[in-house]
N, C-alpha and C. Protein backbone atom coordinates (compact mmCIF):
# COMPACT_ATOMS: atom_id res chain seq x y z
N MET A 1 -11.73 3.23 68.32
CA MET A 1 -11.32 3.26 69.25
C MET A 1 -10.15 3.28 68.78
N THR A 2 -8.74 3.54 69.66
CA THR A 2 -7.97 3.89 68.77
C THR A 2 -7.03 2.23 68.05
N ASN A 3 -6.67 2.28 67.36
CA ASN A 3 -5.67 0.54 66.39
C ASN A 3 -4.85 0.55 67.85
N HIS A 4 -4.75 -0.62 68.35
CA HIS A 4 -3.19 -0.95 68.88
C HIS A 4 -1.98 -0.88 69.27
N ALA A 5 -2.09 -0.44 67.38
CA ALA A 5 -0.76 -0.96 67.55
C ALA A 5 0.20 0.94 67.66
N GLU A 6 -0.93 1.56 66.63
CA GLU A 6 -1.11 3.23 67.78
C GLU A 6 0.15 4.28 68.59
N MET A 7 -0.70 3.38 69.53
CA MET A 7 -0.35 3.01 71.21
C MET A 7 1.04 2.92 71.98
N GLU A 8 1.12 4.24 73.00
CA GLU A 8 2.26 4.11 73.17
C GLU A 8 2.92 2.53 74.36
N LYS A 9 3.75 2.04 73.86
CA LYS A 9 4.34 1.01 74.74
C LYS A 9 4.61 1.43 76.24
N HIS A 10 4.20 0.48 77.30
CA HIS A 10 4.63 0.87 79.14
C HIS A 10 5.28 -0.04 79.09
N THR A 11 6.19 0.05 80.36
CA THR A 11 6.74 -0.77 80.57
C THR A 11 6.57 -1.18 81.91
N ILE A 12 5.49 -2.06 83.12
CA ILE A 12 4.95 -1.64 84.30
C ILE A 12 5.98 -2.74 85.31
N SER A 13 6.39 -2.62 85.31
CA SER A 13 7.13 -3.56 87.18
C SER A 13 6.03 -3.99 88.01
N VAL A 14 5.91 -5.29 88.83
CA VAL A 14 5.08 -5.48 89.93
C VAL A 14 6.24 -6.39 90.43
N LEU A 15 6.24 -5.97 91.73
CA LEU A 15 6.63 -6.81 92.56
C LEU A 15 5.25 -7.41 93.60
N VAL A 16 5.56 -9.47 92.94
CA VAL A 16 4.64 -9.69 93.46
C VAL A 16 5.02 -10.73 94.93
N ALA A 17 3.86 -11.71 95.30
CA ALA A 17 4.47 -12.77 96.64
C ALA A 17 5.00 -14.18 95.24
N ASN A 18 6.24 -14.38 96.08
CA ASN A 18 6.28 -15.54 95.09
C ASN A 18 5.48 -17.12 95.20
N LYS A 19 4.17 -16.61 94.95
CA LYS A 19 3.52 -18.35 95.07
C LYS A 19 2.90 -19.04 93.73
N PHE A 20 2.89 -20.04 94.08
CA PHE A 20 2.12 -20.96 92.32
C PHE A 20 0.37 -19.86 92.56
N GLY A 21 0.70 -19.72 91.04
CA GLY A 21 -0.72 -19.25 90.37
C GLY A 21 -0.92 -17.65 91.05
N VAL A 22 0.01 -17.63 90.38
CA VAL A 22 0.84 -15.57 90.87
C VAL A 22 0.64 -15.74 89.64
N LEU A 23 1.22 -15.75 88.72
CA LEU A 23 1.40 -15.67 87.04
C LEU A 23 0.11 -15.79 86.44
N ALA A 24 -0.28 -16.58 86.28
CA ALA A 24 -2.04 -16.72 85.26
C ALA A 24 -2.83 -16.16 86.30
N ARG A 25 -2.33 -15.52 87.10
CA ARG A 25 -3.95 -14.92 87.95
C ARG A 25 -2.89 -12.97 86.92
N VAL A 26 -1.67 -13.18 86.38
CA VAL A 26 -2.17 -11.77 86.35
C VAL A 26 -2.01 -11.46 84.55
N ALA A 27 -1.68 -12.87 84.56
CA ALA A 27 -1.91 -13.23 82.58
C ALA A 27 -3.18 -13.40 81.91
N GLY A 28 -4.36 -13.73 83.31
CA GLY A 28 -5.73 -13.75 82.83
C GLY A 28 -5.98 -12.64 83.30
N LEU A 29 -5.45 -10.79 83.94
CA LEU A 29 -6.58 -10.10 83.95
C LEU A 29 -5.75 -9.50 82.76
N PHE A 30 -4.91 -9.32 81.89
CA PHE A 30 -4.66 -9.16 80.91
C PHE A 30 -5.51 -9.36 80.05
N SER A 31 -5.91 -11.03 79.40
CA SER A 31 -6.70 -11.57 78.81
C SER A 31 -8.46 -11.35 79.01
N GLY A 32 -8.16 -11.57 80.09
CA GLY A 32 -9.43 -11.43 79.86
C GLY A 32 -10.44 -9.77 80.16
N ARG A 33 -9.47 -9.31 79.85
CA ARG A 33 -9.58 -6.93 79.78
C ARG A 33 -9.78 -7.22 78.11
N GLY A 34 -8.74 -7.99 77.36
CA GLY A 34 -8.15 -7.71 76.08
C GLY A 34 -7.29 -7.32 75.77
N TYR A 35 -5.88 -7.13 76.92
CA TYR A 35 -4.91 -6.98 77.03
C TYR A 35 -4.77 -6.85 76.13
N ASN A 36 -3.81 -6.36 75.27
CA ASN A 36 -1.90 -7.55 74.95
C ASN A 36 -0.67 -7.41 76.06
N ILE A 37 -0.88 -8.43 76.41
CA ILE A 37 0.99 -8.59 76.73
C ILE A 37 1.95 -8.51 75.79
N SER A 38 3.71 -7.43 74.85
CA SER A 38 4.07 -7.69 74.06
C SER A 38 5.80 -8.90 75.00
N SER A 39 5.44 -7.96 76.15
CA SER A 39 6.65 -9.01 76.23
C SER A 39 5.83 -8.90 78.00
N LEU A 40 6.35 -10.89 78.53
CA LEU A 40 7.02 -10.36 79.94
C LEU A 40 7.57 -11.01 80.38
N THR A 41 8.60 -10.88 82.36
CA THR A 41 9.68 -11.64 82.46
C THR A 41 9.68 -11.83 83.35
N VAL A 42 9.99 -12.70 84.42
CA VAL A 42 9.41 -12.87 86.09
C VAL A 42 10.48 -13.66 86.61
N HIS A 43 11.12 -13.46 87.34
CA HIS A 43 12.39 -14.04 88.12
C HIS A 43 12.29 -13.73 89.23
N GLU A 44 12.88 -14.82 90.03
CA GLU A 44 12.85 -14.42 91.81
C GLU A 44 13.71 -13.50 92.75
N THR A 45 13.05 -12.63 92.95
CA THR A 45 13.88 -11.34 94.40
C THR A 45 15.33 -12.01 94.29
N ASP A 46 15.94 -10.94 95.44
CA ASP A 46 16.98 -11.34 96.11
C ASP A 46 16.33 -12.32 97.53
N ASP A 47 14.77 -11.79 97.56
CA ASP A 47 13.84 -12.00 98.69
C ASP A 47 13.30 -13.40 98.06
N PRO A 48 13.83 -14.69 98.28
CA PRO A 48 12.72 -15.81 97.77
C PRO A 48 11.14 -15.52 97.68
N ALA A 49 11.27 -15.41 98.99
CA ALA A 49 9.27 -15.00 99.20
C ALA A 49 9.06 -13.69 97.84
N TYR A 50 9.40 -13.46 97.31
CA TYR A 50 8.61 -11.87 95.97
C TYR A 50 9.94 -12.94 94.85
N SER A 51 9.00 -12.20 93.97
CA SER A 51 9.38 -12.07 91.93
C SER A 51 9.34 -10.98 92.00
N LYS A 52 9.93 -10.55 90.48
CA LYS A 52 9.29 -9.30 90.03
C LYS A 52 8.95 -9.14 88.75
N MET A 53 7.78 -9.17 88.09
CA MET A 53 7.36 -9.13 86.44
C MET A 53 7.47 -8.59 86.37
N THR A 54 8.46 -7.46 84.65
CA THR A 54 8.11 -7.01 83.79
C THR A 54 7.08 -7.76 82.72
N ILE A 55 6.34 -6.17 82.34
CA ILE A 55 5.58 -6.02 81.23
C ILE A 55 5.88 -5.34 80.71
N VAL A 56 5.39 -5.87 79.55
CA VAL A 56 5.35 -4.28 78.73
C VAL A 56 3.62 -4.57 77.30
N THR A 57 3.49 -3.48 77.91
CA THR A 57 1.76 -3.74 76.95
C THR A 57 1.44 -2.58 75.77
N ALA A 58 0.03 -1.51 75.95
CA ALA A 58 0.76 -0.81 74.73
C ALA A 58 -1.52 -0.66 75.49
N GLY A 59 -0.84 1.30 75.28
CA GLY A 59 -2.70 1.33 75.22
C GLY A 59 -2.75 2.92 75.75
N ASP A 60 -3.85 3.22 75.53
CA ASP A 60 -4.06 4.85 76.06
C ASP A 60 -4.12 5.55 78.50
N ALA A 61 -3.98 6.47 77.93
CA ALA A 61 -4.21 6.55 79.51
C ALA A 61 -5.15 6.20 80.83
N ALA A 62 -6.26 6.09 79.87
CA ALA A 62 -7.03 4.65 79.97
C ALA A 62 -7.59 3.70 80.42
N ILE A 63 -6.49 3.06 79.15
CA ILE A 63 -5.92 1.84 79.68
C ILE A 63 -5.14 0.73 80.76
N LEU A 64 -4.31 1.82 80.93
CA LEU A 64 -2.86 1.95 81.82
C LEU A 64 -3.54 2.24 83.20
N GLU A 65 -4.93 3.68 83.46
CA GLU A 65 -5.27 3.07 84.46
C GLU A 65 -5.54 1.89 84.96
N GLN A 66 -6.35 2.11 84.34
CA GLN A 66 -7.64 0.67 84.93
C GLN A 66 -6.08 -0.48 84.71
N ILE A 67 -5.19 -0.86 83.95
CA ILE A 67 -4.55 -2.12 84.29
C ILE A 67 -4.13 -1.95 85.65
N ASP A 68 -3.39 -0.67 86.51
CA ASP A 68 -3.07 -0.53 87.13
C ASP A 68 -3.43 -0.97 88.32
N LYS A 69 -4.74 0.02 88.24
CA LYS A 69 -6.31 -0.64 88.72
C LYS A 69 -6.67 -2.28 89.37
N GLN A 70 -6.70 -2.69 88.48
CA GLN A 70 -6.76 -3.99 89.02
C GLN A 70 -5.48 -4.94 89.42
N LEU A 71 -3.92 -4.73 88.59
CA LEU A 71 -3.30 -5.01 89.45
C LEU A 71 -2.95 -5.43 90.89
N ARG A 72 -3.66 -3.74 91.50
CA ARG A 72 -3.47 -3.57 92.73
C ARG A 72 -5.00 -3.75 93.66
N LYS A 73 -5.47 -5.02 92.57
CA LYS A 73 -6.72 -5.18 93.96
C LYS A 73 -6.20 -7.04 93.36
N LEU A 74 -5.37 -7.23 93.05
CA LEU A 74 -4.37 -8.71 93.18
C LEU A 74 -4.66 -8.47 94.90
N ILE A 75 -4.08 -9.98 95.31
CA ILE A 75 -4.09 -9.54 96.41
C ILE A 75 -2.15 -10.70 96.80
N GLU A 76 -2.16 -10.83 95.98
CA GLU A 76 -0.54 -11.10 95.44
C GLU A 76 0.51 -9.69 95.03
N VAL A 77 -0.21 -8.65 94.86
CA VAL A 77 1.24 -8.05 94.28
C VAL A 77 1.07 -7.08 95.34
N ILE A 78 1.82 -6.84 95.48
CA ILE A 78 2.48 -5.32 96.75
C ILE A 78 2.85 -4.60 96.73
N LYS A 79 3.43 -4.33 94.66
CA LYS A 79 4.22 -3.15 93.99
C LYS A 79 3.96 -2.83 92.93
N VAL A 80 3.20 -1.48 91.91
CA VAL A 80 3.16 -1.74 90.83
C VAL A 80 4.23 -0.29 90.15
N ASP A 81 4.65 -0.13 89.50
CA ASP A 81 5.23 0.54 88.91
C ASP A 81 4.55 0.71 87.72
N ASP A 82 4.97 1.95 86.90
CA ASP A 82 4.56 2.07 85.41
C ASP A 82 6.15 3.76 85.85
N LEU A 83 6.93 2.18 84.56
CA LEU A 83 8.63 2.25 84.45
C LEU A 83 8.40 3.34 83.40
N THR A 84 7.66 3.68 82.35
CA THR A 84 7.67 4.63 81.44
C THR A 84 7.06 5.93 80.89
N GLY A 85 8.59 6.57 80.86
CA GLY A 85 8.60 7.86 81.06
C GLY A 85 9.86 8.50 81.79
N SER A 86 10.15 7.57 82.86
CA SER A 86 11.26 8.34 83.53
C SER A 86 12.28 7.48 83.55
N GLY A 87 12.94 7.32 81.46
CA GLY A 87 14.05 6.94 81.94
C GLY A 87 14.09 5.90 82.71
N PHE A 88 13.90 5.03 83.12
CA PHE A 88 14.46 3.00 83.39
C PHE A 88 15.35 3.12 82.58
N ILE A 89 15.99 2.04 82.57
CA ILE A 89 16.99 1.28 82.65
C ILE A 89 16.29 -0.15 81.49
N GLU A 90 16.83 -0.32 80.89
CA GLU A 90 16.11 -2.03 80.18
C GLU A 90 17.26 -2.46 79.99
N ARG A 91 16.43 -3.66 79.41
CA ARG A 91 17.64 -4.77 78.77
C ARG A 91 17.09 -5.87 78.18
N GLU A 92 17.58 -6.70 76.95
CA GLU A 92 16.79 -7.60 76.83
C GLU A 92 17.83 -8.85 75.88
N MET A 93 17.58 -10.69 75.62
CA MET A 93 18.62 -10.84 75.51
C MET A 93 17.76 -11.32 73.83
N ALA A 94 18.34 -11.33 72.74
CA ALA A 94 18.11 -12.77 71.55
C ALA A 94 18.67 -13.66 71.33
N LEU A 95 19.19 -14.89 70.79
CA LEU A 95 20.31 -15.74 70.64
C LEU A 95 19.32 -16.19 68.84
N LEU A 96 20.09 -15.52 68.33
CA LEU A 96 19.52 -16.21 66.24
C LEU A 96 20.69 -16.62 66.22
N LYS A 97 20.02 -17.53 64.77
CA LYS A 97 20.59 -19.05 63.81
C LYS A 97 20.56 -17.73 62.62
N LEU A 98 21.67 -17.39 61.86
CA LEU A 98 21.59 -17.41 60.24
C LEU A 98 22.25 -18.16 59.60
N ARG A 99 21.72 -17.85 58.79
CA ARG A 99 21.62 -19.24 57.04
C ARG A 99 23.20 -18.06 56.95
N THR A 100 24.37 -18.79 56.44
CA THR A 100 25.38 -18.96 55.83
C THR A 100 25.45 -18.81 54.69
N SER A 101 25.68 -18.94 53.24
CA SER A 101 26.50 -19.75 52.55
C SER A 101 26.71 -19.15 51.86
N SER A 102 27.70 -18.16 51.98
CA SER A 102 29.41 -18.53 51.79
C SER A 102 30.06 -17.24 53.61
N HIS A 103 31.14 -17.81 52.62
CA HIS A 103 31.95 -17.62 54.06
C HIS A 103 32.75 -15.76 53.43
N GLU A 104 31.96 -14.57 53.02
CA GLU A 104 31.96 -13.48 52.18
C GLU A 104 30.46 -12.82 53.63
N GLN A 105 29.23 -14.28 53.77
CA GLN A 105 28.76 -14.09 54.59
C GLN A 105 28.84 -13.54 55.97
N GLN A 106 29.60 -15.09 55.90
CA GLN A 106 29.90 -15.06 57.65
C GLN A 106 30.59 -13.98 58.24
N SER A 107 31.64 -13.19 56.91
CA SER A 107 31.78 -11.70 57.88
C SER A 107 31.24 -10.95 57.88
N GLN A 108 30.47 -10.80 56.95
CA GLN A 108 29.94 -9.55 57.15
C GLN A 108 28.29 -9.80 58.95
N ILE A 109 28.08 -11.05 58.55
CA ILE A 109 27.81 -10.98 60.26
C ILE A 109 28.10 -10.93 61.51
N ILE A 110 29.77 -11.73 61.06
CA ILE A 110 30.42 -11.53 62.08
C ILE A 110 30.37 -9.65 62.89
N GLN A 111 31.11 -9.22 60.90
CA GLN A 111 31.25 -7.47 62.32
C GLN A 111 29.87 -6.52 62.10
N LEU A 112 28.29 -7.82 61.86
CA LEU A 112 27.27 -6.71 61.71
C LEU A 112 27.14 -7.44 63.84
N VAL A 113 27.71 -8.23 64.30
CA VAL A 113 27.82 -8.73 65.93
C VAL A 113 28.91 -7.42 67.00
N GLU A 114 29.55 -7.72 66.54
CA GLU A 114 30.77 -6.85 67.28
C GLU A 114 30.48 -5.60 67.21
N VAL A 115 30.23 -5.25 65.83
CA VAL A 115 29.17 -2.94 65.91
C VAL A 115 28.17 -3.17 67.75
N PHE A 116 27.22 -3.95 67.33
CA PHE A 116 26.32 -4.93 68.03
C PHE A 116 26.47 -4.89 69.38
N ASP A 117 28.43 -4.92 69.96
CA ASP A 117 28.49 -5.77 71.50
C ASP A 117 28.17 -7.63 71.46
N GLY A 118 28.11 -8.21 70.29
CA GLY A 118 26.81 -9.70 70.27
C GLY A 118 28.55 -10.49 70.31
N THR A 119 27.57 -11.14 70.66
CA THR A 119 29.01 -12.99 71.06
C THR A 119 27.96 -13.30 69.90
N ILE A 120 29.54 -14.14 69.24
CA ILE A 120 29.06 -15.95 67.80
C ILE A 120 28.68 -16.90 68.99
N VAL A 121 28.39 -17.60 69.03
CA VAL A 121 28.63 -18.66 70.36
C VAL A 121 27.72 -19.88 69.53
N SER A 122 28.09 -20.50 68.38
CA SER A 122 27.93 -21.65 67.70
C SER A 122 27.92 -20.95 66.22
N VAL A 123 29.23 -22.64 65.66
CA VAL A 123 29.40 -21.96 64.16
C VAL A 123 28.98 -23.31 63.08
N SER A 124 28.51 -22.86 61.55
CA SER A 124 28.50 -24.12 61.56
C SER A 124 28.85 -23.54 59.74
N LYS A 125 28.91 -24.38 58.95
CA LYS A 125 29.36 -24.58 57.94
C LYS A 125 28.42 -23.57 57.16
N ASN A 126 27.38 -23.66 57.11
CA ASN A 126 25.78 -23.09 56.61
C ASN A 126 25.23 -21.79 57.89
N GLU A 127 25.14 -22.42 59.04
CA GLU A 127 25.29 -21.66 60.43
C GLU A 127 25.16 -20.38 60.72
N LEU A 128 26.12 -20.04 62.41
CA LEU A 128 25.77 -18.47 62.39
C LEU A 128 25.13 -18.23 63.43
N ALA A 129 24.84 -18.86 65.30
CA ALA A 129 24.45 -18.78 66.03
C ALA A 129 24.62 -17.38 66.69
N VAL A 130 24.29 -16.22 67.15
CA VAL A 130 24.78 -14.90 67.49
C VAL A 130 23.78 -15.02 69.03
N GLU A 131 24.20 -14.16 69.94
CA GLU A 131 23.61 -13.29 71.06
C GLU A 131 23.73 -12.44 71.31
N ILE A 132 22.58 -11.19 71.39
CA ILE A 132 22.87 -9.88 72.09
C ILE A 132 21.53 -9.32 72.22
N ALA A 133 22.78 -7.94 73.42
CA ALA A 133 22.13 -7.92 74.32
C ALA A 133 22.18 -6.22 74.40
N GLY A 134 21.25 -5.99 74.90
CA GLY A 134 20.85 -4.80 75.53
C GLY A 134 19.25 -4.05 74.68
N ARG A 135 19.59 -3.29 74.99
CA ARG A 135 17.86 -1.69 74.88
C ARG A 135 16.91 -2.99 73.52
N SER A 136 15.68 -3.16 73.46
CA SER A 136 15.24 -3.51 73.27
C SER A 136 15.53 -3.12 71.63
N ASP A 137 15.06 -1.79 71.60
CA ASP A 137 15.32 -1.00 69.79
C ASP A 137 16.31 -1.76 69.43
N ARG A 138 17.75 -1.91 70.23
CA ARG A 138 19.13 -1.83 69.61
C ARG A 138 19.27 -3.49 69.40
N LEU A 139 17.53 -4.40 70.04
CA LEU A 139 18.08 -5.59 69.19
C LEU A 139 16.92 -5.77 67.56
N ASP A 140 16.40 -4.95 67.99
CA ASP A 140 15.63 -4.46 66.94
C ASP A 140 16.60 -5.13 65.22
N ASP A 141 16.89 -3.78 65.45
CA ASP A 141 17.66 -2.54 64.55
C ASP A 141 18.63 -4.04 63.74
N PHE A 142 19.48 -4.74 65.79
CA PHE A 142 20.07 -6.01 64.36
C PHE A 142 19.23 -6.59 63.91
N ILE A 143 17.63 -7.25 64.39
CA ILE A 143 17.31 -8.19 63.16
C ILE A 143 17.09 -7.48 62.74
N GLU A 144 16.55 -6.33 62.32
CA GLU A 144 16.13 -5.97 60.43
C GLU A 144 17.34 -5.59 60.46
N LEU A 145 18.56 -5.65 60.50
CA LEU A 145 20.28 -6.08 59.33
C LEU A 145 20.50 -7.22 59.49
N VAL A 146 19.90 -8.54 60.09
CA VAL A 146 19.88 -9.13 59.63
C VAL A 146 19.30 -9.77 58.38
N ARG A 147 18.04 -9.86 58.94
CA ARG A 147 16.80 -10.74 58.59
C ARG A 147 17.01 -11.23 56.28
N ASP A 148 17.79 -10.26 55.54
CA ASP A 148 18.20 -10.70 54.37
C ASP A 148 19.25 -11.30 54.17
N TYR A 149 20.28 -12.23 55.76
CA TYR A 149 20.88 -13.45 55.46
C TYR A 149 20.09 -14.05 55.24
N GLY A 150 18.71 -14.86 56.72
CA GLY A 150 17.97 -15.51 56.67
C GLY A 150 18.19 -16.32 58.12
N ILE A 151 16.59 -16.15 59.30
CA ILE A 151 16.98 -16.08 60.35
C ILE A 151 16.28 -17.68 60.01
N VAL A 152 16.84 -17.97 61.03
CA VAL A 152 16.39 -19.46 61.09
C VAL A 152 16.00 -19.98 61.90
N GLU A 153 16.00 -19.04 63.44
CA GLU A 153 15.42 -19.72 64.26
C GLU A 153 15.48 -18.00 65.38
N MET A 154 14.76 -17.40 66.33
CA MET A 154 15.74 -16.57 66.97
C MET A 154 14.98 -16.97 68.02
N ALA A 155 15.38 -16.87 69.74
CA ALA A 155 14.27 -16.58 71.01
C ALA A 155 14.86 -15.41 71.72
N ARG A 156 14.26 -14.78 72.29
CA ARG A 156 14.16 -13.00 72.69
C ARG A 156 14.02 -13.88 74.01
N SER A 157 14.42 -12.88 75.13
CA SER A 157 14.03 -13.19 76.55
C SER A 157 13.49 -12.21 76.98
N GLY A 158 12.85 -10.74 76.66
CA GLY A 158 11.62 -10.41 76.88
C GLY A 158 12.41 -9.96 77.86
N ARG A 159 12.31 -7.76 78.23
CA ARG A 159 12.27 -6.75 78.73
C ARG A 159 12.63 -7.41 79.61
N VAL A 160 13.87 -6.75 80.60
CA VAL A 160 14.02 -6.96 82.12
C VAL A 160 14.07 -5.17 82.28
N ALA A 161 13.57 -4.78 83.38
CA ALA A 161 13.51 -3.07 83.29
C ALA A 161 13.53 -3.01 85.35
N ILE A 162 14.36 -1.55 84.94
CA ILE A 162 14.47 -1.19 86.87
C ILE A 162 15.09 0.30 86.06
N SER A 163 14.27 1.08 87.35
CA SER A 163 14.00 2.66 87.86
C SER A 163 15.79 2.43 87.68
N ARG A 164 16.17 4.11 86.95
CA ARG A 164 16.61 5.06 87.36
C ARG A 164 17.33 4.89 88.99
N CYS A 165 19.44 4.82 89.36
CA CYS A 165 19.15 5.22 90.10
C CYS A 165 18.70 7.27 90.75
N LYS A 166 19.03 7.06 91.94
CA LYS A 166 17.54 8.72 92.20
C LYS A 166 19.08 9.07 92.22
N LYS A 167 19.16 11.19 92.39
CA LYS A 167 20.21 11.66 92.08
C LYS A 167 20.57 11.74 93.34
N ALA A 168 21.70 12.17 94.17
CA ALA A 168 21.98 12.79 95.28
C ALA A 168 21.95 13.61 95.50
């Protein structure tokens, strides 16, 4: 079997009925078959009768075909789109509380936050809290750059995604 870490990540958009238990059934579908969800976001659409799930998972073509088939079998699922490879638009947000032991470290972190178009959301003598939003890989890059300062706490929203606009 292929190593899970080597498999391509896929971003799947799922439109579902906004009903009690739908999230549990979708998550159960993945866990029951041994598939991992690396990111999951759910939100109500402009029509409160529906919710949109953005699921990031990894797998080869056979696994993704199986996930697609199983999702479509759920009665509450209206539409399934694997956005991977379509040049989709995706964003994620992260909040990080970083340790700072000197004014110099605070200045260095503030410069990095500016480069990544982030926002300083809280400051104390020994910590900075920052907000970074953008593509998931850009957040990964920022986190890697600030890791040595000391990450006190971190929260990530998970990926949200939509397909690109159709060309006229």
